[in-house]
Amino acid sequence: MSTAPKSQVLNFAEMANYQEGAVVSRQVTKAEAGNVTLFAFAKDQGLSEHSAPYDALVHVLEGQAEVTISGKPFQLKMGDAIIMPANQPHALKAVQKFKMLLTMIRA
């Protein structure tokens, strides 16, 4: 999977297109210390409950999503962000189609 070009202005909203009934992802950058991935979720699509060994920051670029962390649901809309703590179960679902930037910090 290739990453986005460096030293260039990026428009995240245009870098991943919605696909009916699917979740589309595009890696923006990857390094040993962490990675940044752009996601586009069709309505009612999501990521099932899982956990990760690192904190992860979700930033909603457009649309609306429900992020559940350790059983507690959070409603996020364009411009909102939330940190999903390491080793806590979390899941995401598109309330309406949405795009998000996911930043994983491996520290």
N, C-alpha and C. Protein backbone atom coordinates (compact mmCIF):
# COMPACT_ATOMS: atom_id res chain seq x y z
N MET A 1 0.85 -1.17 0.00
CA MET A 1 0.00 0.00 0.00
C MET A 1 0.90 1.24 0.00
N SER A 2 0.73 2.11 -0.97
CA SER A 2 1.56 3.31 -1.04
C SER A 2 1.01 4.40 -0.13
N THR A 3 1.88 5.28 0.28
CA THR A 3 1.47 6.39 1.13
C THR A 3 1.35 7.65 0.28
N ALA A 4 0.76 8.69 0.86
CA ALA A 4 0.57 9.95 0.16
C ALA A 4 1.92 10.64 -0.08
N PRO A 5 2.00 11.45 -1.12
CA PRO A 5 3.26 12.16 -1.38
C PRO A 5 3.58 13.15 -0.26
N LYS A 6 4.85 13.36 -0.02
CA LYS A 6 5.29 14.28 1.02
C LYS A 6 5.54 15.67 0.44
N SER A 7 5.61 16.67 1.31
CA SER A 7 5.85 18.06 0.92
C SER A 7 4.86 18.52 -0.15
N GLN A 8 3.60 18.20 0.09
CA GLN A 8 2.54 18.53 -0.86
C GLN A 8 1.26 18.73 -0.06
N VAL A 9 0.43 19.69 -0.46
CA VAL A 9 -0.84 19.93 0.21
C VAL A 9 -1.77 18.75 -0.09
N LEU A 10 -2.39 18.21 0.96
CA LEU A 10 -3.30 17.08 0.81
C LEU A 10 -4.72 17.50 1.18
N ASN A 11 -5.70 17.07 0.40
CA ASN A 11 -7.10 17.29 0.73
C ASN A 11 -7.67 15.93 1.11
N PHE A 12 -7.74 15.66 2.41
CA PHE A 12 -8.16 14.34 2.88
C PHE A 12 -9.54 13.95 2.38
N ALA A 13 -10.48 14.90 2.34
CA ALA A 13 -11.85 14.59 1.92
C ALA A 13 -11.89 14.06 0.49
N GLU A 14 -10.90 14.40 -0.32
CA GLU A 14 -10.88 13.95 -1.71
C GLU A 14 -9.99 12.73 -1.95
N MET A 15 -9.28 12.29 -0.92
CA MET A 15 -8.31 11.20 -1.10
C MET A 15 -8.92 9.80 -0.98
N ALA A 16 -10.12 9.68 -0.45
CA ALA A 16 -10.80 8.38 -0.36
C ALA A 16 -12.26 8.60 -0.73
N ASN A 17 -12.75 7.83 -1.67
CA ASN A 17 -14.13 7.96 -2.13
C ASN A 17 -15.01 6.90 -1.47
N TYR A 18 -16.27 7.26 -1.28
CA TYR A 18 -17.24 6.30 -0.74
C TYR A 18 -17.49 5.21 -1.77
N GLN A 19 -17.74 4.01 -1.26
CA GLN A 19 -18.10 2.88 -2.11
C GLN A 19 -19.30 2.22 -1.45
N GLU A 20 -20.40 2.09 -2.16
CA GLU A 20 -21.64 1.54 -1.62
C GLU A 20 -21.39 0.21 -0.91
N GLY A 21 -21.86 0.11 0.33
CA GLY A 21 -21.76 -1.13 1.09
C GLY A 21 -20.37 -1.51 1.52
N ALA A 22 -19.45 -0.54 1.58
CA ALA A 22 -18.06 -0.89 1.88
C ALA A 22 -17.38 0.15 2.77
N VAL A 23 -16.23 -0.25 3.27
CA VAL A 23 -15.32 0.64 3.98
C VAL A 23 -14.07 0.73 3.11
N VAL A 24 -13.70 1.95 2.75
CA VAL A 24 -12.52 2.18 1.91
C VAL A 24 -11.44 2.80 2.79
N SER A 25 -10.19 2.34 2.65
CA SER A 25 -9.11 2.95 3.43
C SER A 25 -7.95 3.30 2.52
N ARG A 26 -7.22 4.32 2.94
CA ARG A 26 -6.02 4.71 2.21
C ARG A 26 -4.98 5.16 3.24
N GLN A 27 -3.83 4.55 3.20
CA GLN A 27 -2.76 4.91 4.11
C GLN A 27 -2.17 6.25 3.69
N VAL A 28 -2.09 7.19 4.63
CA VAL A 28 -1.53 8.50 4.35
C VAL A 28 -0.03 8.47 4.58
N THR A 29 0.37 7.95 5.73
CA THR A 29 1.80 7.83 6.04
C THR A 29 1.99 6.71 7.06
N LYS A 30 3.17 6.11 7.01
CA LYS A 30 3.47 5.02 7.93
C LYS A 30 4.92 5.16 8.38
N ALA A 31 5.13 5.01 9.69
CA ALA A 31 6.47 5.08 10.26
C ALA A 31 6.52 4.13 11.45
N GLU A 32 7.71 3.87 11.95
CA GLU A 32 7.85 2.98 13.10
C GLU A 32 7.08 3.51 14.30
N ALA A 33 7.01 4.83 14.46
CA ALA A 33 6.36 5.45 15.61
C ALA A 33 4.84 5.48 15.49
N GLY A 34 4.29 5.22 14.29
CA GLY A 34 2.85 5.24 14.12
C GLY A 34 2.47 5.38 12.66
N ASN A 35 1.15 5.45 12.43
CA ASN A 35 0.68 5.62 11.07
C ASN A 35 -0.61 6.43 11.05
N VAL A 36 -0.92 6.98 9.88
CA VAL A 36 -2.13 7.76 9.66
C VAL A 36 -2.86 7.15 8.47
N THR A 37 -4.15 6.82 8.67
CA THR A 37 -4.94 6.20 7.62
C THR A 37 -6.26 6.94 7.46
N LEU A 38 -6.66 7.15 6.23
CA LEU A 38 -7.93 7.79 5.90
C LEU A 38 -8.94 6.69 5.59
N PHE A 39 -10.16 6.83 6.13
CA PHE A 39 -11.23 5.87 5.89
C PHE A 39 -12.46 6.58 5.35
N ALA A 40 -13.19 5.91 4.45
CA ALA A 40 -14.50 6.37 3.98
C ALA A 40 -15.47 5.21 4.21
N PHE A 41 -16.50 5.43 5.04
CA PHE A 41 -17.47 4.40 5.39
C PHE A 41 -18.80 4.70 4.71
N ALA A 42 -19.37 3.73 4.00
CA ALA A 42 -20.73 3.85 3.50
C ALA A 42 -21.67 3.78 4.70
N LYS A 43 -22.88 4.33 4.56
CA LYS A 43 -23.87 4.30 5.64
C LYS A 43 -24.06 2.87 6.14
N ASP A 44 -24.14 2.72 7.45
CA ASP A 44 -24.35 1.45 8.15
C ASP A 44 -23.15 0.50 8.11
N GLN A 45 -22.04 0.92 7.52
CA GLN A 45 -20.83 0.10 7.53
C GLN A 45 -20.01 0.45 8.77
N GLY A 46 -19.08 -0.40 9.14
CA GLY A 46 -18.28 -0.12 10.32
C GLY A 46 -17.13 -1.08 10.49
N LEU A 47 -16.49 -0.94 11.63
CA LEU A 47 -15.43 -1.85 12.05
C LEU A 47 -15.92 -2.53 13.31
N SER A 48 -15.92 -3.85 13.32
CA SER A 48 -16.42 -4.58 14.48
C SER A 48 -15.50 -4.38 15.68
N GLU A 49 -16.02 -4.74 16.85
CA GLU A 49 -15.27 -4.52 18.09
C GLU A 49 -13.93 -5.23 18.05
N HIS A 50 -12.91 -4.50 18.43
CA HIS A 50 -11.55 -5.02 18.50
C HIS A 50 -10.77 -4.14 19.46
N SER A 51 -9.54 -4.48 19.74
CA SER A 51 -8.68 -3.62 20.56
C SER A 51 -7.33 -3.53 19.88
N ALA A 52 -6.57 -2.52 20.26
CA ALA A 52 -5.24 -2.30 19.71
C ALA A 52 -4.28 -2.01 20.85
N PRO A 53 -3.02 -2.34 20.70
CA PRO A 53 -2.06 -2.13 21.78
C PRO A 53 -1.61 -0.68 21.93
N TYR A 54 -2.15 0.23 21.10
CA TYR A 54 -1.74 1.63 21.13
C TYR A 54 -2.97 2.54 21.13
N ASP A 55 -2.81 3.75 21.67
CA ASP A 55 -3.87 4.75 21.56
C ASP A 55 -4.10 5.07 20.09
N ALA A 56 -5.34 5.40 19.76
CA ALA A 56 -5.68 5.78 18.39
C ALA A 56 -6.60 7.00 18.42
N LEU A 57 -6.27 7.99 17.62
CA LEU A 57 -7.07 9.21 17.52
C LEU A 57 -7.94 9.12 16.28
N VAL A 58 -9.26 9.26 16.45
CA VAL A 58 -10.21 9.31 15.34
C VAL A 58 -10.65 10.75 15.18
N HIS A 59 -10.51 11.28 13.95
CA HIS A 59 -10.96 12.64 13.64
C HIS A 59 -11.94 12.54 12.48
N VAL A 60 -13.21 12.92 12.72
CA VAL A 60 -14.25 12.82 11.69
C VAL A 60 -14.13 14.02 10.75
N LEU A 61 -13.94 13.73 9.47
CA LEU A 61 -13.78 14.77 8.45
C LEU A 61 -15.10 15.20 7.84
N GLU A 62 -16.03 14.26 7.72
CA GLU A 62 -17.38 14.58 7.24
C GLU A 62 -18.32 13.45 7.64
N GLY A 63 -19.60 13.78 7.72
CA GLY A 63 -20.60 12.78 8.08
C GLY A 63 -20.76 12.60 9.57
N GLN A 64 -21.28 11.42 9.96
CA GLN A 64 -21.56 11.15 11.37
C GLN A 64 -21.31 9.68 11.67
N ALA A 65 -20.71 9.44 12.84
CA ALA A 65 -20.37 8.07 13.24
C ALA A 65 -20.67 7.84 14.71
N GLU A 66 -20.85 6.56 15.04
CA GLU A 66 -20.93 6.16 16.43
C GLU A 66 -19.67 5.36 16.73
N VAL A 67 -18.94 5.83 17.74
CA VAL A 67 -17.73 5.14 18.19
C VAL A 67 -18.04 4.59 19.58
N THR A 68 -17.87 3.30 19.74
CA THR A 68 -18.13 2.66 21.03
C THR A 68 -16.79 2.24 21.63
N ILE A 69 -16.55 2.69 22.87
CA ILE A 69 -15.32 2.36 23.58
C ILE A 69 -15.70 1.71 24.90
N SER A 70 -15.25 0.49 25.09
CA SER A 70 -15.56 -0.28 26.32
C SER A 70 -17.05 -0.26 26.62
N GLY A 71 -17.86 -0.44 25.58
CA GLY A 71 -19.31 -0.52 25.74
C GLY A 71 -20.04 0.81 25.80
N LYS A 72 -19.33 1.92 25.82
CA LYS A 72 -19.97 3.24 25.90
C LYS A 72 -19.98 3.90 24.52
N PRO A 73 -21.19 4.22 23.98
CA PRO A 73 -21.27 4.82 22.66
C PRO A 73 -21.05 6.35 22.70
N PHE A 74 -20.37 6.84 21.69
CA PHE A 74 -20.14 8.28 21.51
C PHE A 74 -20.59 8.66 20.11
N GLN A 75 -21.33 9.75 19.98
CA GLN A 75 -21.79 10.24 18.69
C GLN A 75 -20.83 11.33 18.22
N LEU A 76 -20.24 11.13 17.06
CA LEU A 76 -19.29 12.10 16.51
C LEU A 76 -19.80 12.62 15.18
N LYS A 77 -19.57 13.90 14.93
CA LYS A 77 -19.93 14.53 13.66
C LYS A 77 -18.70 15.24 13.10
N MET A 78 -18.84 15.81 11.92
CA MET A 78 -17.73 16.49 11.26
C MET A 78 -17.02 17.44 12.22
N GLY A 79 -15.72 17.31 12.30
CA GLY A 79 -14.91 18.16 13.16
C GLY A 79 -14.62 17.58 14.53
N ASP A 80 -15.40 16.58 14.95
CA ASP A 80 -15.19 15.96 16.26
C ASP A 80 -14.04 14.95 16.20
N ALA A 81 -13.44 14.71 17.35
CA ALA A 81 -12.36 13.74 17.47
C ALA A 81 -12.48 13.04 18.82
N ILE A 82 -11.93 11.83 18.89
CA ILE A 82 -11.91 11.08 20.14
C ILE A 82 -10.68 10.19 20.15
N ILE A 83 -10.13 9.99 21.34
CA ILE A 83 -8.99 9.08 21.49
C ILE A 83 -9.51 7.75 22.02
N MET A 84 -9.22 6.69 21.29
CA MET A 84 -9.57 5.35 21.73
C MET A 84 -8.35 4.79 22.47
N PRO A 85 -8.47 4.57 23.78
CA PRO A 85 -7.32 4.13 24.57
C PRO A 85 -6.81 2.75 24.19
N ALA A 86 -5.52 2.56 24.36
CA ALA A 86 -4.88 1.27 24.10
C ALA A 86 -5.55 0.18 24.93
N ASN A 87 -5.66 -1.00 24.35
CA ASN A 87 -6.13 -2.21 25.01
C ASN A 87 -7.57 -2.15 25.50
N GLN A 88 -8.37 -1.18 25.05
CA GLN A 88 -9.78 -1.14 25.38
C GLN A 88 -10.57 -1.47 24.11
N PRO A 89 -11.58 -2.35 24.22
CA PRO A 89 -12.35 -2.71 23.04
C PRO A 89 -13.09 -1.50 22.47
N HIS A 90 -13.08 -1.40 21.15
CA HIS A 90 -13.77 -0.30 20.49
C HIS A 90 -14.32 -0.76 19.14
N ALA A 91 -15.34 -0.05 18.67
CA ALA A 91 -15.97 -0.35 17.38
C ALA A 91 -16.44 0.97 16.79
N LEU A 92 -16.62 0.99 15.46
CA LEU A 92 -17.10 2.19 14.76
C LEU A 92 -18.22 1.81 13.82
N LYS A 93 -19.22 2.68 13.68
CA LYS A 93 -20.31 2.45 12.74
C LYS A 93 -20.73 3.78 12.13
N ALA A 94 -20.99 3.75 10.83
CA ALA A 94 -21.43 4.94 10.11
C ALA A 94 -22.92 5.16 10.33
N VAL A 95 -23.28 6.19 11.09
CA VAL A 95 -24.68 6.58 11.27
C VAL A 95 -25.19 7.11 9.93
N GLN A 96 -24.36 7.89 9.27
CA GLN A 96 -24.53 8.27 7.88
C GLN A 96 -23.13 8.14 7.28
N LYS A 97 -23.02 8.15 5.97
CA LYS A 97 -21.68 7.96 5.42
C LYS A 97 -20.74 8.99 6.04
N PHE A 98 -19.52 8.54 6.32
CA PHE A 98 -18.56 9.45 6.95
C PHE A 98 -17.13 9.10 6.55
N LYS A 99 -16.28 10.10 6.69
CA LYS A 99 -14.85 9.93 6.47
C LYS A 99 -14.12 10.30 7.74
N MET A 100 -13.06 9.56 8.04
CA MET A 100 -12.28 9.84 9.24
C MET A 100 -10.81 9.64 8.96
N LEU A 101 -10.03 10.32 9.76
CA LEU A 101 -8.59 10.15 9.75
C LEU A 101 -8.25 9.43 11.06
N LEU A 102 -7.53 8.32 10.95
CA LEU A 102 -7.13 7.52 12.11
C LEU A 102 -5.64 7.65 12.29
N THR A 103 -5.23 8.12 13.47
CA THR A 103 -3.81 8.27 13.79
C THR A 103 -3.47 7.31 14.92
N MET A 104 -2.58 6.38 14.62
CA MET A 104 -2.11 5.41 15.62
C MET A 104 -0.73 5.84 16.08
N ILE A 105 -0.57 5.91 17.39
CA ILE A 105 0.72 6.29 17.97
C ILE A 105 1.30 5.07 18.68
N ARG A 106 2.43 4.59 18.21
CA ARG A 106 3.06 3.40 18.81
C ARG A 106 4.11 3.82 19.81
N ALA A 107 3.66 4.25 20.95
CA ALA A 107 4.63 4.70 21.96
C ALA A 107 4.11 4.33 23.35
